[in-house]
PDB file of N, CA and C in Angstrom:
ATOM      1  N   UNK A   1     108.877  89.742 113.037  1.00  0.00           N
ATOM      2  CA  UNK A   1     110.033  89.139 112.428  1.00  0.00           C
ATOM      3  C   UNK A   1     109.559  88.256 111.275  1.00  0.00           C
ATOM      4  N   UNK A   2     110.288  88.299 110.190  1.00  0.00           N
ATOM      5  CA  UNK A   2     109.941  87.531 109.000  1.00  0.00           C
ATOM      6  C   UNK A   2     110.979  86.446 108.808  1.00  0.00           C
ATOM      7  N   UNK A   3     110.529  85.221 108.659  1.00  0.00           N
ATOM      8  CA  UNK A   3     111.433  84.099 108.439  1.00  0.00           C
ATOM      9  C   UNK A   3     111.425  83.739 106.962  1.00  0.00           C
ATOM     10  N   UNK A   4     112.585  83.746 106.355  1.00  0.00           N
ATOM     11  CA  UNK A   4     112.710  83.439 104.928  1.00  0.00           C
ATOM     12  C   UNK A   4     113.829  82.427 104.753  1.00  0.00           C
ATOM     13  N   UNK A   5     113.577  81.425 103.960  1.00  0.00           N
ATOM     14  CA  UNK A   5     114.648  80.512 103.593  1.00  0.00           C
ATOM     15  C   UNK A   5     115.480  81.186 102.517  1.00  0.00           C
ATOM     16  N   UNK A   6     116.788  80.978 102.573  1.00  0.00           N
ATOM     17  CA  UNK A   6     117.687  81.663 101.651  1.00  0.00           C
ATOM     18  C   UNK A   6     117.314  81.403 100.199  1.00  0.00           C
ATOM     19  N   UNK A   7     116.896  80.200  99.863  1.00  0.00           N
ATOM     20  CA  UNK A   7     116.568  79.885  98.478  1.00  0.00           C
ATOM     21  C   UNK A   7     115.224  80.491  98.047  1.00  0.00           C
ATOM     22  N   UNK A   8     114.490  81.103  98.966  1.00  0.00           N
ATOM     23  CA  UNK A   8     113.199  81.703  98.631  1.00  0.00           C
ATOM     24  C   UNK A   8     113.298  83.156  98.192  1.00  0.00           C
ATOM     25  N   UNK A   9     114.477  83.666  97.921  1.00  0.00           N
ATOM     26  CA  UNK A   9     114.604  85.065  97.518  1.00  0.00           C
ATOM     27  C   UNK A   9     114.472  85.223  96.004  1.00  0.00           C
ATOM     28  N   UNK A  10     113.565  84.473  95.449  1.00  0.00           N
ATOM     29  CA  UNK A  10     113.290  84.581  94.021  1.00  0.00           C
ATOM     30  C   UNK A  10     112.559  85.884  93.736  1.00  0.00           C
ATOM     31  N   UNK A  11     112.385  86.173  92.491  1.00  0.00           N
ATOM     32  CA  UNK A  11     111.678  87.398  92.107  1.00  0.00           C
ATOM     33  C   UNK A  11     110.247  87.392  92.636  1.00  0.00           C
ATOM     34  N   UNK A  12     109.616  86.231  92.630  1.00  0.00           N
ATOM     35  CA  UNK A  12     108.245  86.133  93.143  1.00  0.00           C
ATOM     36  C   UNK A  12     108.202  86.436  94.639  1.00  0.00           C
ATOM     37  N   UNK A  13     109.185  85.918  95.386  1.00  0.00           N
ATOM     38  CA  UNK A  13     109.231  86.160  96.826  1.00  0.00           C
ATOM     39  C   UNK A  13     109.494  87.637  97.120  1.00  0.00           C
ATOM     40  N   UNK A  14     110.366  88.258  96.337  1.00  0.00           N
ATOM     41  CA  UNK A  14     110.632  89.682  96.509  1.00  0.00           C
ATOM     42  C   UNK A  14     109.375  90.500  96.252  1.00  0.00           C
ATOM     43  N   UNK A  15     108.642  90.155  95.208  1.00  0.00           N
ATOM     44  CA  UNK A  15     107.382  90.850  94.912  1.00  0.00           C
ATOM     45  C   UNK A  15     106.374  90.647  96.031  1.00  0.00           C
ATOM     46  N   UNK A  16     106.347  89.438  96.585  1.00  0.00           N
ATOM     47  CA  UNK A  16     105.437  89.159  97.694  1.00  0.00           C
ATOM     48  C   UNK A  16     105.788  90.017  98.906  1.00  0.00           C
ATOM     49  N   UNK A  17     107.083  90.131  99.212  1.00  0.00           N
ATOM     50  CA  UNK A  17     107.507  90.977 100.329  1.00  0.00           C
ATOM     51  C   UNK A  17     107.147  92.442 100.101  1.00  0.00           C
ATOM     52  N   UNK A  18     107.319  92.910  98.865  1.00  0.00           N
ATOM     53  CA  UNK A  18     106.944  94.293  98.547  1.00  0.00           C
ATOM     54  C   UNK A  18     105.441  94.502  98.707  1.00  0.00           C
ATOM     55  N   UNK A  19     104.641  93.521  98.278  1.00  0.00           N
ATOM     56  CA  UNK A  19     103.190  93.629  98.384  1.00  0.00           C
ATOM     57  C   UNK A  19     102.759  93.646  99.852  1.00  0.00           C
ATOM     58  N   UNK A  20     103.356  92.787 100.663  1.00  0.00           N
ATOM     59  CA  UNK A  20     103.028  92.762 102.094  1.00  0.00           C
ATOM     60  C   UNK A  20     103.397  94.089 102.740  1.00  0.00           C
ATOM     61  N   UNK A  21     104.560  94.615 102.384  1.00  0.00           N
ATOM     62  CA  UNK A  21     104.992  95.900 102.925  1.00  0.00           C
ATOM     63  C   UNK A  21     104.049  97.018 102.493  1.00  0.00           C
ATOM     64  N   UNK A  22     103.618  96.990 101.229  1.00  0.00           N
ATOM     65  CA  UNK A  22     102.689  98.011 100.721  1.00  0.00           C
ATOM     66  C   UNK A  22     101.358  97.965 101.478  1.00  0.00           C
ATOM     67  N   UNK A  23     100.841  96.763 101.708  1.00  0.00           N
ATOM     68  CA  UNK A  23      99.582  96.627 102.439  1.00  0.00           C
ATOM     69  C   UNK A  23      99.731  97.131 103.875  1.00  0.00           C
ATOM     70  N   UNK A  24     100.862  96.825 104.489  1.00  0.00           N
ATOM     71  CA  UNK A  24     101.108  97.275 105.860  1.00  0.00           C
ATOM     72  C   UNK A  24     101.177  98.795 105.930  1.00  0.00           C
ATOM     73  N   UNK A  25     101.916  99.399 105.021  1.00  0.00           N
ATOM     74  CA  UNK A  25     102.049 100.865 105.000  1.00  0.00           C
ATOM     75  C   UNK A  25     100.698 101.511 104.724  1.00  0.00           C
ATOM     76  N   UNK A  26      99.944 100.963 103.789  1.00  0.00           N
ATOM     77  CA  UNK A  26      98.629 101.524 103.470  1.00  0.00           C
ATOM     78  C   UNK A  26      97.707 101.434 104.677  1.00  0.00           C
ATOM     79  N   UNK A  27      97.772 100.334 105.388  1.00  0.00           N
ATOM     80  CA  UNK A  27      96.927 100.155 106.573  1.00  0.00           C
ATOM     81  C   UNK A  27      97.321 101.129 107.687  1.00  0.00           C
ATOM     82  N   UNK A  28      98.619 101.272 107.919  1.00  0.00           N
ATOM     83  CA  UNK A  28      99.101 102.103 109.029  1.00  0.00           C
ATOM     84  C   UNK A  28      99.061 103.594 108.688  1.00  0.00           C
ATOM     85  N   UNK A  29      99.573 103.967 107.516  1.00  0.00           N
ATOM     86  CA  UNK A  29      99.779 105.383 107.185  1.00  0.00           C
ATOM     87  C   UNK A  29      98.867 105.900 106.066  1.00  0.00           C
ATOM     88  N   UNK A  30      97.997 105.068 105.553  1.00  0.00           N
ATOM     89  CA  UNK A  30      97.191 105.443 104.396  1.00  0.00           C
ATOM     90  C   UNK A  30      96.398 106.727 104.564  1.00  0.00           C
ATOM     91  N   UNK A  31      95.729 106.883 105.700  1.00  0.00           N
ATOM     92  CA  UNK A  31      94.901 108.069 105.913  1.00  0.00           C
ATOM     93  C   UNK A  31      95.740 109.336 106.009  1.00  0.00           C
ATOM     94  N   UNK A  32      96.855 109.271 106.725  1.00  0.00           N
ATOM     95  CA  UNK A  32      97.684 110.470 106.861  1.00  0.00           C
ATOM     96  C   UNK A  32      98.362 110.829 105.542  1.00  0.00           C
ATOM     97  N   UNK A  33      98.753 109.823 104.773  1.00  0.00           N
ATOM     98  CA  UNK A  33      99.335 110.099 103.456  1.00  0.00           C
ATOM     99  C   UNK A  33      98.287 110.691 102.531  1.00  0.00           C
ATOM    100  N   UNK A  34      97.063 110.172 102.584  1.00  0.00           N
ATOM    101  CA  UNK A  34      95.989 110.709 101.745  1.00  0.00           C
ATOM    102  C   UNK A  34      95.695 112.161 102.128  1.00  0.00           C
ATOM    103  N   UNK A  35      95.708 112.451 103.410  1.00  0.00           N
ATOM    104  CA  UNK A  35      95.487 113.829 103.861  1.00  0.00           C
ATOM    105  C   UNK A  35      96.585 114.744 103.327  1.00  0.00           C
ATOM    106  N   UNK A  36      97.831 114.291 103.392  1.00  0.00           N
ATOM    107  CA  UNK A  36      98.963 115.061 102.868  1.00  0.00           C
ATOM    108  C   UNK A  36      98.827 115.279 101.367  1.00  0.00           C
ATOM    109  N   UNK A  37      98.398 114.243 100.643  1.00  0.00           N
ATOM    110  CA  UNK A  37      98.205 114.346  99.193  1.00  0.00           C
ATOM    111  C   UNK A  37      97.120 115.362  98.877  1.00  0.00           C
ATOM    112  N   UNK A  38      96.037 115.340  99.630  1.00  0.00           N
ATOM    113  CA  UNK A  38      94.945 116.291  99.406  1.00  0.00           C
ATOM    114  C   UNK A  38      95.407 117.731  99.635  1.00  0.00           C
ATOM    115  N   UNK A  39      96.279 117.932 100.615  1.00  0.00           N
ATOM    116  CA  UNK A  39      96.754 119.281 100.933  1.00  0.00           C
ATOM    117  C   UNK A  39      97.809 119.782  99.943  1.00  0.00           C
ATOM    118  N   UNK A  40      98.652 118.883  99.457  1.00  0.00           N
ATOM    119  CA  UNK A  40      99.799 119.315  98.653  1.00  0.00           C
ATOM    120  C   UNK A  40      99.709 118.948  97.179  1.00  0.00           C
ATOM    121  N   UNK A  41      98.875 117.994  96.829  1.00  0.00           N
ATOM    122  CA  UNK A  41      98.777 117.561  95.437  1.00  0.00           C
ATOM    123  C   UNK A  41      99.867 116.591  95.029  1.00  0.00           C
ATOM    124  N   UNK A  42     100.559 116.010  96.009  1.00  0.00           N
ATOM    125  CA  UNK A  42     101.617 115.036  95.724  1.00  0.00           C
ATOM    126  C   UNK A  42     101.009 113.750  95.166  1.00  0.00           C
ATOM    127  N   UNK A  43     101.854 112.889  94.629  1.00  0.00           N
ATOM    128  CA  UNK A  43     101.409 111.621  94.058  1.00  0.00           C
ATOM    129  C   UNK A  43     101.296 110.570  95.166  1.00  0.00           C
ATOM    130  N   UNK A  44     100.099 110.060  95.372  1.00  0.00           N
ATOM    131  CA  UNK A  44      99.818 109.093  96.437  1.00  0.00           C
ATOM    132  C   UNK A  44     100.643 107.821  96.269  1.00  0.00           C
ATOM    133  N   UNK A  45     100.659 107.269  95.062  1.00  0.00           N
ATOM    134  CA  UNK A  45     101.357 106.003  94.828  1.00  0.00           C
ATOM    135  C   UNK A  45     102.859 106.122  95.064  1.00  0.00           C
ATOM    136  N   UNK A  46     103.459 107.222  94.654  1.00  0.00           N
ATOM    137  CA  UNK A  46     104.901 107.370  94.867  1.00  0.00           C
ATOM    138  C   UNK A  46     105.221 107.521  96.348  1.00  0.00           C
ATOM    139  N   UNK A  47     104.369 108.213  97.096  1.00  0.00           N
ATOM    140  CA  UNK A  47     104.587 108.331  98.538  1.00  0.00           C
ATOM    141  C   UNK A  47     104.434 106.984  99.239  1.00  0.00           C
ATOM    142  N   UNK A  48     103.432 106.222  98.834  1.00  0.00           N
ATOM    143  CA  UNK A  48     103.236 104.885  99.398  1.00  0.00           C
ATOM    144  C   UNK A  48     104.439 104.009  99.070  1.00  0.00           C
ATOM    145  N   UNK A  49     104.941 104.097  97.832  1.00  0.00           N
ATOM    146  CA  UNK A  49     106.101 103.287  97.430  1.00  0.00           C
ATOM    147  C   UNK A  49     107.338 103.653  98.250  1.00  0.00           C
ATOM    148  N   UNK A  50     107.553 104.938  98.497  1.00  0.00           N
ATOM    149  CA  UNK A  50     108.690 105.358  99.311  1.00  0.00           C
ATOM    150  C   UNK A  50     108.587 104.804 100.727  1.00  0.00           C
ATOM    151  N   UNK A  51     107.404 104.917 101.312  1.00  0.00           N
ATOM    152  CA  UNK A  51     107.202 104.405 102.663  1.00  0.00           C
ATOM    153  C   UNK A  51     107.292 102.881 102.693  1.00  0.00           C
ATOM    154  N   UNK A  52     106.870 102.235 101.615  1.00  0.00           N
ATOM    155  CA  UNK A  52     106.933 100.782 101.513  1.00  0.00           C
ATOM    156  C   UNK A  52     108.385 100.311 101.579  1.00  0.00           C
ATOM    157  N   UNK A  53     109.273 100.986 100.863  1.00  0.00           N
ATOM    158  CA  UNK A  53     110.688 100.623 100.866  1.00  0.00           C
ATOM    159  C   UNK A  53     111.297 100.882 102.249  1.00  0.00           C
ATOM    160  N   UNK A  54     110.962 102.018 102.846  1.00  0.00           N
ATOM    161  CA  UNK A  54     111.462 102.309 104.191  1.00  0.00           C
ATOM    162  C   UNK A  54     110.993 101.240 105.179  1.00  0.00           C
ATOM    163  N   UNK A  55     109.730 100.862 105.068  1.00  0.00           N
ATOM    164  CA  UNK A  55     109.162  99.853 105.955  1.00  0.00           C
ATOM    165  C   UNK A  55     109.857  98.515 105.772  1.00  0.00           C
ATOM    166  N   UNK A  56     110.171  98.170 104.556  1.00  0.00           N
ATOM    167  CA  UNK A  56     110.826  96.897 104.284  1.00  0.00           C
ATOM    168  C   UNK A  56     112.203  96.839 104.927  1.00  0.00           C
ATOM    169  N   UNK A  57     112.907  97.961 104.946  1.00  0.00           N
ATOM    170  CA  UNK A  57     114.238  97.981 105.535  1.00  0.00           C
ATOM    171  C   UNK A  57     114.216  98.036 107.063  1.00  0.00           C
ATOM    172  N   UNK A  58     113.060  98.245 107.680  1.00  0.00           N
ATOM    173  CA  UNK A  58     112.986  98.254 109.137  1.00  0.00           C
ATOM    174  C   UNK A  58     112.638  96.885 109.701  1.00  0.00           C
ATOM    175  N   UNK A  59     112.272  95.928 108.843  1.00  0.00           N
ATOM    176  CA  UNK A  59     111.955  94.580 109.300  1.00  0.00           C
ATOM    177  C   UNK A  59     113.220  93.825 109.652  1.00  0.00           C
ATOM    178  N   UNK A  60     113.085  92.853 110.530  1.00  0.00           N
ATOM    179  CA  UNK A  60     114.192  91.976 110.881  1.00  0.00           C
ATOM    180  C   UNK A  60     113.973  90.661 110.159  1.00  0.00           C
ATOM    181  N   UNK A  61     114.934  90.260 109.391  1.00  0.00           N
ATOM    182  CA  UNK A  61     114.834  89.028 108.630  1.00  0.00           C
ATOM    183  C   UNK A  61     115.751  87.976 109.222  1.00  0.00           C
ATOM    184  N   UNK A  62     115.286  86.739 109.234  1.00  0.00           N
ATOM    185  CA  UNK A  62     116.087  85.615 109.694  1.00  0.00           C
ATOM    186  C   UNK A  62     116.280  84.700 108.496  1.00  0.00           C
ATOM    187  N   UNK A  63     117.533  84.425 108.170  1.00  0.00           N
ATOM    188  CA  UNK A  63     117.834  83.566 107.043  1.00  0.00           C
ATOM    189  C   UNK A  63     118.334  82.228 107.568  1.00  0.00           C
ATOM    190  N   UNK A  64     117.630  81.173 107.216  1.00  0.00           N
ATOM    191  CA  UNK A  64     118.056  79.816 107.566  1.00  0.00           C
ATOM    192  C   UNK A  64     118.802  79.239 106.376  1.00  0.00           C
ATOM    193  N   UNK A  65     120.083  79.030 106.558  1.00  0.00           N
ATOM    194  CA  UNK A  65     120.900  78.537 105.440  1.00  0.00           C
ATOM    195  C   UNK A  65     121.265  77.090 105.717  1.00  0.00           C
TER     196      UNK A  65
END
């Protein structure tokens, strides 16, 4: 669970959340995505970005207002 203060949803905070999500996806799915890229020739970064967005939407956020 991620705790965020409502006033912390600045552009910098959004970028930080995207970066954390990207690192998490790369850590969890990086090898399998790389294997898929090697087999199909797909773009690694675009696949990671897609999974990063999906991962971000599966988190539970708590907003303290």
